[in-house]
Amino acid sequence: MSDQWRADVLDMLPYLRGQSFVRKPYKAFRPDWEHDHCAVCGLKLMEAGAEVKNTLHEGYAITSDYQHGEDYEWVCAECFDASKDVMGWKDATAT
């Protein structure tokens, strides 16, 4: 993904500016929620055991400070690392 494409997408995500995320295995937001997509690049995230091509099983989940609650938004590790500075994202993963 080009830097310009990513910048264009990030401009459409003002509600994610300054948010905190935790890196962890993907967990569905609620029982009837099968998967999510990276908010930036659109890659699919599913729980471990799902045998679906081009699917991630880990990423950065938004924390409970978010208006819709924790795990509502997900960002893949690659997009998080590439976008965290410009978006002001905080890595709240426990060390």
C-alpha atoms as a PDB file:
ATOM      1  CA  MET A   1       0.000   0.000   0.000  1.00  0.00           C
ATOM      2  CA  SER A   2       1.391   3.386  -0.955  1.00  0.00           C
ATOM      3  CA  ASP A   3       1.881   6.093   1.612  1.00  0.00           C
ATOM      4  CA  GLN A   4      -0.553   8.374  -0.246  1.00  0.00           C
ATOM      5  CA  TRP A   5      -3.280   5.739  -0.303  1.00  0.00           C
ATOM      6  CA  ARG A   6      -2.858   5.170   3.433  1.00  0.00           C
ATOM      7  CA  ALA A   7      -2.931   8.925   4.092  1.00  0.00           C
ATOM      8  CA  ASP A   8      -6.164   9.244   2.110  1.00  0.00           C
ATOM      9  CA  VAL A   9      -7.772   6.446   4.148  1.00  0.00           C
ATOM     10  CA  LEU A  10      -6.578   7.906   7.453  1.00  0.00           C
ATOM     11  CA  ASP A  11      -8.216  11.220   6.547  1.00  0.00           C
ATOM     12  CA  MET A  12     -11.530   9.340   6.543  1.00  0.00           C
ATOM     13  CA  LEU A  13     -10.973   8.014  10.086  1.00  0.00           C
ATOM     14  CA  PRO A  14     -10.991  11.135  12.297  1.00  0.00           C
ATOM     15  CA  TYR A  15     -12.887   9.203  15.004  1.00  0.00           C
ATOM     16  CA  LEU A  16      -9.799   7.013  15.495  1.00  0.00           C
ATOM     17  CA  ARG A  17      -7.351   9.898  16.055  1.00  0.00           C
ATOM     18  CA  GLY A  18      -5.684   9.803  19.457  1.00  0.00           C
ATOM     19  CA  GLN A  19      -7.148   6.424  20.398  1.00  0.00           C
ATOM     20  CA  SER A  20      -5.419   3.688  22.397  1.00  0.00           C
ATOM     21  CA  PHE A  21      -5.044   0.143  21.097  1.00  0.00           C
ATOM     22  CA  VAL A  22      -3.883  -3.181  22.533  1.00  0.00           C
ATOM     23  CA  ARG A  23      -2.152  -5.845  20.455  1.00  0.00           C
ATOM     24  CA  LYS A  24      -3.830  -9.188  21.033  1.00  0.00           C
ATOM     25  CA  PRO A  25      -5.421 -12.202  19.357  1.00  0.00           C
ATOM     26  CA  TYR A  26      -8.606 -11.333  17.513  1.00  0.00           C
ATOM     27  CA  LYS A  27     -11.814 -11.850  19.459  1.00  0.00           C
ATOM     28  CA  ALA A  28     -15.213 -11.154  17.936  1.00  0.00           C
ATOM     29  CA  PHE A  29     -16.965  -8.077  19.315  1.00  0.00           C
ATOM     30  CA  ARG A  30     -20.079 -10.135  20.071  1.00  0.00           C
ATOM     31  CA  PRO A  31     -21.180 -13.753  19.423  1.00  0.00           C
ATOM     32  CA  ASP A  32     -22.861 -13.038  16.078  1.00  0.00           C
ATOM     33  CA  TRP A  33     -19.846 -11.079  14.827  1.00  0.00           C
ATOM     34  CA  GLU A  34     -17.797 -13.466  12.668  1.00  0.00           C
ATOM     35  CA  HIS A  35     -14.951 -11.183  11.671  1.00  0.00           C
ATOM     36  CA  ASP A  36     -13.658  -7.628  11.417  1.00  0.00           C
ATOM     37  CA  HIS A  37     -11.495  -5.752   8.953  1.00  0.00           C
ATOM     38  CA  CYS A  38      -8.451  -3.593   9.544  1.00  0.00           C
ATOM     39  CA  ALA A  39      -9.838  -0.056   9.689  1.00  0.00           C
ATOM     40  CA  VAL A  40      -7.023   1.100   7.400  1.00  0.00           C
ATOM     41  CA  CYS A  41      -6.263  -1.562   4.777  1.00  0.00           C
ATOM     42  CA  GLY A  42      -9.320  -3.795   5.059  1.00  0.00           C
ATOM     43  CA  LEU A  43      -7.552  -7.100   5.749  1.00  0.00           C
ATOM     44  CA  LYS A  44      -9.893  -9.579   7.425  1.00  0.00           C
ATOM     45  CA  LEU A  45      -9.365 -10.592  11.058  1.00  0.00           C
ATOM     46  CA  MET A  46     -10.952 -13.756  12.458  1.00  0.00           C
ATOM     47  CA  GLU A  47     -10.541 -15.852  15.587  1.00  0.00           C
ATOM     48  CA  ALA A  48      -7.808 -18.490  15.596  1.00  0.00           C
ATOM     49  CA  GLY A  49      -8.910 -21.715  13.967  1.00  0.00           C
ATOM     50  CA  ALA A  50     -10.680 -20.028  11.085  1.00  0.00           C
ATOM     51  CA  GLU A  51      -9.118 -21.503   7.981  1.00  0.00           C
ATOM     52  CA  VAL A  52      -9.755 -18.612   5.617  1.00  0.00           C
ATOM     53  CA  LYS A  53      -7.040 -17.430   3.226  1.00  0.00           C
ATOM     54  CA  ASN A  54      -5.542 -13.980   3.744  1.00  0.00           C
ATOM     55  CA  THR A  55      -6.981 -13.743   7.248  1.00  0.00           C
ATOM     56  CA  LEU A  56      -5.168 -12.416  10.301  1.00  0.00           C
ATOM     57  CA  HIS A  57      -5.717 -13.792  13.781  1.00  0.00           C
ATOM     58  CA  GLU A  58      -4.029 -10.984  15.708  1.00  0.00           C
ATOM     59  CA  GLY A  59      -3.957  -7.227  15.532  1.00  0.00           C
ATOM     60  CA  TYR A  60      -4.501  -4.035  17.494  1.00  0.00           C
ATOM     61  CA  ALA A  61      -7.921  -3.704  19.151  1.00  0.00           C
ATOM     62  CA  ILE A  62      -9.261  -0.381  20.341  1.00  0.00           C
ATOM     63  CA  THR A  63      -9.557  -0.040  24.122  1.00  0.00           C
ATOM     64  CA  SER A  64     -12.616   0.458  26.317  1.00  0.00           C
ATOM     65  CA  ASP A  65     -12.131   4.242  26.170  1.00  0.00           C
ATOM     66  CA  TYR A  66     -13.677   4.176  22.688  1.00  0.00           C
ATOM     67  CA  GLN A  67     -17.325   5.242  22.386  1.00  0.00           C
ATOM     68  CA  HIS A  68     -18.462   1.790  21.199  1.00  0.00           C
ATOM     69  CA  GLY A  69     -16.228  -0.138  23.614  1.00  0.00           C
ATOM     70  CA  GLU A  70     -13.152  -2.294  23.396  1.00  0.00           C
ATOM     71  CA  ASP A  71     -12.578  -4.587  20.428  1.00  0.00           C
ATOM     72  CA  TYR A  72     -15.027  -2.593  18.263  1.00  0.00           C
ATOM     73  CA  GLU A  73     -12.283  -1.354  15.910  1.00  0.00           C
ATOM     74  CA  TRP A  74      -9.238  -3.304  14.761  1.00  0.00           C
ATOM     75  CA  VAL A  75      -6.047  -2.320  12.953  1.00  0.00           C
ATOM     76  CA  CYS A  76      -3.521  -4.816  11.593  1.00  0.00           C
ATOM     77  CA  ALA A  77       0.028  -4.618  12.966  1.00  0.00           C
ATOM     78  CA  GLU A  78       1.465  -3.307   9.701  1.00  0.00           C
ATOM     79  CA  CYS A  79      -1.031  -0.440   9.466  1.00  0.00           C
ATOM     80  CA  PHE A  80      -0.722   0.343  13.171  1.00  0.00           C
ATOM     81  CA  ASP A  81       3.058   0.684  12.911  1.00  0.00           C
ATOM     82  CA  ALA A  82       2.830   2.758   9.722  1.00  0.00           C
ATOM     83  CA  SER A  83       0.039   5.031  10.994  1.00  0.00           C
ATOM     84  CA  LYS A  84       0.509   5.418  14.746  1.00  0.00           C
ATOM     85  CA  ASP A  85       2.508   8.638  14.599  1.00  0.00           C
ATOM     86  CA  VAL A  86       0.286  10.525  12.178  1.00  0.00           C
ATOM     87  CA  MET A  87      -2.875   9.324  13.967  1.00  0.00           C
ATOM     88  CA  GLY A  88      -1.558   9.813  17.497  1.00  0.00           C
ATOM     89  CA  TRP A  89      -2.319   6.202  18.383  1.00  0.00           C
ATOM     90  CA  LYS A  90      -1.116   4.871  21.701  1.00  0.00           C
ATOM     91  CA  ASP A  91       0.023   1.278  22.188  1.00  0.00           C
ATOM     92  CA  ALA A  92      -1.564   0.309  25.509  1.00  0.00           C
ATOM     93  CA  THR A  93      -0.364  -3.294  25.292  1.00  0.00           C
ATOM     94  CA  ALA A  94       0.889  -4.438  28.715  1.00  0.00           C
ATOM     95  CA  THR A  95       4.579  -5.165  28.697  1.00  0.00           C
END
